[in-house]
Amino acid sequence: MQDTVTSSPNSLALLISIIDRPRAALSAVLAHPRWKWLLPAVICLAASALLLLVSAEGLSQQTAQQQAAAMQALEDQMQTMTEAQRAQMREQMATFTSPLFLGLTSFAASAIGLLIGWLLGAGILYVGLAIGGNGGSYAPLVAAMSWTWLPFALRDLVSAGWTVATGAVRVNPGLSYFVATGDSVADARNPLWLLAGPVDLFWLWHLVLIYALVKAARPRGGALGLTIVYALIYLAVRVGPALLAGALSFGL
């Protein structure tokens, strides 16, 4: 399934190789996957934590604005509540929009999303390789998939630097800037905005690493087709849950 590698590489050496020799680095991870996911996990989680730390206040303000919009839509229902019930609802909103609550829940969601992303991404490649006649183990693909996530960690670090430098949270990531309306509530329900959000240079770098991973796992076969399938499924998975969450959040 993968190129022959005689010795287990050092993770720090892989960190350099993933930039200039990604196929060789991923071949090494496929051949020796034990604990090779640990360094990418630490880097990704640390970058996510840093981004959340510097943008917690801005995210809290954005969430409060969205909650206020949702409450305005439910104004007729609130008129039937007692003053005590309305006060209790305001207290709950204040708790759910606090920087500490948002930071902890967002970090937990990031960690869970990281794991799901690795497992799902490896599953897509595993099935695609199996259909192409290349059998192999699933676990090495998961370990190798973790290294293809490093561009997203760099994206978080760049976003954190932008937030520190400007004092503003990035509202329209990727290409979503070109389809954004300025209304965060409406944008969060717009499939085109959701599709454009993940598309940036870091995502393209991620796809380059996916291509290199497929070539490492199947040296004699094509890799472009499976990479395109992976990209389409990735975007579909990103948009579907986000649309559902938006519908539930805004009462649609």
Protein backbone atom coordinates (compact mmCIF):
# COMPACT_ATOMS: atom_id res chain seq x y z
CA MET A 1 0.00 0.00 0.00
CA GLN A 2 2.84 2.39 0.66
CA ASP A 3 6.45 2.98 -0.27
CA THR A 4 9.02 0.94 1.62
CA VAL A 5 10.62 2.80 4.55
CA THR A 6 13.24 0.98 6.59
CA SER A 7 13.34 3.09 9.76
CA SER A 8 10.82 5.05 11.77
CA PRO A 9 11.36 8.79 11.17
CA ASN A 10 11.51 11.41 13.87
CA SER A 11 8.34 13.52 14.10
CA LEU A 12 10.30 16.77 14.04
CA ALA A 13 12.04 15.64 10.85
CA LEU A 14 8.62 14.85 9.38
CA LEU A 15 7.51 18.37 10.23
CA ILE A 16 10.15 19.70 7.87
CA SER A 17 9.67 17.01 5.23
CA ILE A 18 5.92 17.62 5.02
CA ILE A 19 6.74 21.01 3.48
CA ASP A 20 9.34 20.14 0.86
CA ARG A 21 8.88 16.35 0.44
CA PRO A 22 5.26 15.62 1.42
CA ARG A 23 4.96 12.30 -0.40
CA ALA A 24 8.09 10.91 1.23
CA ALA A 25 6.98 12.17 4.64
CA LEU A 26 3.53 10.63 4.32
CA SER A 27 5.01 7.36 3.03
CA ALA A 28 7.12 7.25 6.19
CA VAL A 29 4.04 7.82 8.37
CA LEU A 30 2.13 5.07 6.54
CA ALA A 31 5.01 2.67 7.10
CA HIS A 32 5.50 3.61 10.77
CA PRO A 33 2.22 5.11 12.05
CA ARG A 34 2.71 4.43 15.77
CA TRP A 35 2.25 7.67 17.76
CA LYS A 36 2.88 9.70 14.60
CA TRP A 37 -0.46 11.49 15.08
CA LEU A 38 0.59 13.00 18.41
CA LEU A 39 2.66 15.97 17.19
CA PRO A 40 0.05 17.11 14.63
CA ALA A 41 -2.63 16.79 17.31
CA VAL A 42 -0.66 18.96 19.74
CA ILE A 43 0.05 21.57 17.06
CA CYS A 44 -3.55 21.71 15.83
CA LEU A 45 -5.06 21.93 19.31
CA ALA A 46 -2.52 24.51 20.46
CA ALA A 47 -3.20 26.69 17.41
CA SER A 48 -6.96 26.37 17.95
CA ALA A 49 -6.60 27.28 21.65
CA LEU A 50 -4.48 30.33 20.80
CA LEU A 51 -7.01 31.56 18.25
CA LEU A 52 -9.87 31.12 20.72
CA LEU A 53 -7.90 32.90 23.44
CA VAL A 54 -7.25 36.04 21.42
CA SER A 55 -10.70 36.16 19.81
CA ALA A 56 -12.92 35.11 22.75
CA GLU A 57 -14.21 38.63 23.43
CA GLY A 58 -15.04 39.29 19.79
CA LEU A 59 -16.77 35.93 19.42
CA SER A 60 -18.79 36.69 22.54
CA GLN A 61 -19.99 39.95 21.02
CA GLN A 62 -20.90 38.27 17.74
CA THR A 63 -22.82 35.53 19.52
CA ALA A 64 -24.65 38.08 21.65
CA GLN A 65 -25.71 39.93 18.49
CA GLN A 66 -26.98 36.71 16.93
CA GLN A 67 -28.84 35.82 20.11
CA ALA A 68 -30.40 39.28 20.18
CA ALA A 69 -31.58 38.83 16.59
CA ALA A 70 -33.08 35.47 17.49
CA MET A 71 -34.80 36.95 20.56
CA GLN A 72 -36.23 39.75 18.45
CA ALA A 73 -37.73 37.14 16.14
CA LEU A 74 -39.36 35.54 19.19
CA GLU A 75 -40.61 38.82 20.60
CA ASP A 76 -44.27 37.84 20.30
CA GLN A 77 -43.68 34.68 22.32
CA MET A 78 -41.73 36.60 24.99
CA GLN A 79 -44.68 38.89 25.56
CA THR A 80 -46.60 35.94 26.95
CA MET A 81 -43.87 35.24 29.54
CA THR A 82 -43.76 36.59 33.03
CA GLU A 83 -41.08 39.08 34.03
CA ALA A 84 -39.31 36.36 36.02
CA GLN A 85 -39.22 34.07 32.99
CA ARG A 86 -37.82 36.84 30.81
CA ALA A 87 -35.16 37.62 33.41
CA GLN A 88 -34.19 33.95 33.58
CA MET A 89 -33.87 33.81 29.79
CA ARG A 90 -31.63 36.89 29.80
CA GLU A 91 -29.41 35.30 32.44
CA GLN A 92 -29.10 32.13 30.37
CA MET A 93 -28.20 34.16 27.30
CA ALA A 94 -25.54 36.04 29.26
CA THR A 95 -24.05 32.73 30.42
CA PHE A 96 -24.06 31.17 26.96
CA THR A 97 -22.43 34.22 25.38
CA SER A 98 -19.71 34.71 28.02
CA PRO A 99 -16.11 34.47 26.71
CA LEU A 100 -15.28 31.63 29.14
CA PHE A 101 -18.27 29.50 28.14
CA LEU A 102 -17.72 30.13 24.43
CA GLY A 103 -13.99 29.44 24.72
CA LEU A 104 -14.42 26.12 26.53
CA THR A 105 -17.24 24.87 24.33
CA SER A 106 -15.49 25.99 21.14
CA PHE A 107 -12.26 24.27 22.14
CA ALA A 108 -14.13 21.06 22.98
CA ALA A 109 -15.91 21.28 19.62
CA SER A 110 -12.56 21.84 17.88
CA ALA A 111 -11.03 18.78 19.52
CA ILE A 112 -14.01 16.60 18.65
CA GLY A 113 -14.13 18.02 15.14
CA LEU A 114 -10.42 17.32 14.71
CA LEU A 115 -10.89 13.67 15.60
CA ILE A 116 -13.98 13.29 13.42
CA GLY A 117 -12.21 15.01 10.53
CA TRP A 118 -9.27 12.63 10.71
CA LEU A 119 -11.47 9.54 10.99
CA LEU A 120 -13.83 10.62 8.23
CA GLY A 121 -11.07 11.77 5.91
CA ALA A 122 -9.15 8.54 6.36
CA GLY A 123 -12.39 6.63 5.79
CA ILE A 124 -12.98 8.37 2.47
CA LEU A 125 -9.48 7.54 1.28
CA TYR A 126 -9.68 3.98 2.65
CA VAL A 127 -12.88 3.28 0.71
CA GLY A 128 -11.54 4.97 -2.42
CA LEU A 129 -8.31 3.00 -2.30
CA ALA A 130 -10.20 -0.23 -1.67
CA ILE A 131 -12.45 0.41 -4.67
CA GLY A 132 -9.32 0.97 -6.73
CA GLY A 133 -7.98 -2.41 -5.68
CA ASN A 134 -5.49 -1.20 -3.08
CA GLY A 135 -6.19 -2.91 0.20
CA GLY A 136 -4.50 -1.88 3.41
CA SER A 137 -4.99 -0.91 7.03
CA TYR A 138 -7.17 1.95 8.17
CA ALA A 139 -5.08 3.04 11.17
CA PRO A 140 -2.01 4.16 9.16
CA LEU A 141 -4.27 6.33 7.01
CA VAL A 142 -5.62 8.04 10.14
CA ALA A 143 -2.07 8.76 11.33
CA ALA A 144 -1.10 10.12 7.92
CA MET A 145 -4.32 12.15 7.69
CA SER A 146 -3.29 14.02 10.85
CA TRP A 147 -0.31 15.48 9.01
CA THR A 148 -2.49 16.79 6.19
CA TRP A 149 -4.29 18.92 8.82
CA LEU A 150 -1.23 21.05 9.57
CA PRO A 151 -2.21 23.75 7.03
CA PHE A 152 -5.35 24.35 9.09
CA ALA A 153 -3.21 24.83 12.20
CA LEU A 154 -1.19 27.43 10.30
CA ARG A 155 -4.45 29.08 9.26
CA ASP A 156 -5.46 29.39 12.92
CA LEU A 157 -2.09 30.91 13.79
CA VAL A 158 -2.40 33.45 10.97
CA SER A 159 -5.94 34.28 12.08
CA ALA A 160 -4.74 34.71 15.67
CA GLY A 161 -2.00 37.07 14.49
CA TRP A 162 -4.56 39.06 12.48
CA THR A 163 -6.83 39.35 15.51
CA VAL A 164 -4.00 40.53 17.74
CA ALA A 165 -2.80 43.05 15.14
CA THR A 166 -6.20 44.50 14.23
CA GLY A 167 -8.34 43.77 17.30
CA ALA A 168 -11.00 42.30 15.00
CA VAL A 169 -12.23 38.74 14.59
CA ARG A 170 -12.21 37.40 11.05
CA VAL A 171 -15.90 37.23 10.12
CA ASN A 172 -15.74 36.08 6.49
CA PRO A 173 -13.07 33.37 6.08
CA GLY A 174 -11.78 32.15 2.75
CA LEU A 175 -13.74 33.19 -0.33
CA SER A 176 -16.88 33.89 1.69
CA TYR A 177 -15.82 37.55 1.74
CA PHE A 178 -16.94 37.86 -1.90
CA VAL A 179 -20.49 36.62 -1.21
CA ALA A 180 -20.99 38.08 2.27
CA THR A 181 -23.90 40.48 2.77
CA GLY A 182 -22.74 41.99 6.05
CA ASP A 183 -25.64 40.35 7.87
CA SER A 184 -24.04 37.53 9.89
CA VAL A 185 -27.41 35.89 10.54
CA ALA A 186 -28.32 35.78 6.84
CA ASP A 187 -24.81 34.70 5.82
CA ALA A 188 -24.86 31.78 8.27
CA ARG A 189 -27.91 30.43 6.43
CA ASN A 190 -26.49 30.99 2.93
CA PRO A 191 -25.13 27.72 1.40
CA LEU A 192 -22.87 29.67 -0.97
CA TRP A 193 -21.28 31.57 1.95
CA LEU A 194 -20.78 28.29 3.81
CA LEU A 195 -19.22 26.63 0.76
CA ALA A 196 -16.86 29.51 0.09
CA GLY A 197 -15.70 29.82 3.71
CA PRO A 198 -13.27 26.85 3.82
CA VAL A 199 -11.77 27.63 0.40
CA ASP A 200 -8.46 29.42 0.83
CA LEU A 201 -4.74 28.79 0.27
CA PHE A 202 -4.53 26.64 3.42
CA TRP A 203 -7.32 24.37 2.18
CA LEU A 204 -5.64 24.08 -1.22
CA TRP A 205 -2.41 23.12 0.55
CA HIS A 206 -4.40 20.52 2.47
CA LEU A 207 -5.64 19.07 -0.85
CA VAL A 208 -2.07 18.96 -2.16
CA LEU A 209 -1.16 16.89 0.91
CA ILE A 210 -4.19 14.65 0.33
CA TYR A 211 -2.98 14.09 -3.23
CA ALA A 212 0.49 13.26 -1.91
CA LEU A 213 -1.02 10.86 0.62
CA VAL A 214 -2.98 9.02 -2.06
CA LYS A 215 0.16 8.76 -4.20
CA ALA A 216 2.08 7.47 -1.18
CA ALA A 217 -0.59 4.85 -0.51
CA ARG A 218 -1.02 3.93 -4.20
CA PRO A 219 2.27 4.70 -5.99
CA ARG A 220 1.24 3.17 -9.32
CA GLY A 221 -2.29 4.53 -9.51
CA GLY A 222 -3.89 7.86 -10.21
CA ALA A 223 -4.62 10.20 -7.32
CA LEU A 224 -6.40 13.20 -8.84
CA GLY A 225 -9.84 11.58 -9.06
CA LEU A 226 -9.87 10.45 -5.44
CA THR A 227 -8.58 13.85 -4.31
CA ILE A 228 -11.46 15.58 -6.12
CA VAL A 229 -13.99 13.19 -4.58
CA TYR A 230 -12.47 13.86 -1.17
CA ALA A 231 -12.72 17.65 -1.71
CA LEU A 232 -16.40 17.44 -2.72
CA ILE A 233 -17.31 15.28 0.28
CA TYR A 234 -15.34 17.60 2.57
CA LEU A 235 -17.32 20.62 1.42
CA ALA A 236 -20.64 18.76 1.63
CA VAL A 237 -19.91 17.68 5.20
CA ARG A 238 -18.97 21.24 6.15
CA VAL A 239 -22.12 22.78 4.69
CA GLY A 240 -24.75 20.24 5.79
CA PRO A 241 -24.33 20.44 9.59
CA ALA A 242 -23.79 24.22 9.42
CA LEU A 243 -27.08 24.70 7.58
CA LEU A 244 -28.87 22.48 10.11
CA ALA A 245 -27.31 24.36 13.03
CA GLY A 246 -28.32 27.67 11.46
CA ALA A 247 -31.89 26.50 11.00
CA LEU A 248 -32.12 25.37 14.62
CA SER A 249 -30.44 28.52 15.97
CA PHE A 250 -32.60 30.98 14.10
CA GLY A 251 -35.86 29.10 14.38
CA LEU A 252 -36.26 28.16 10.72
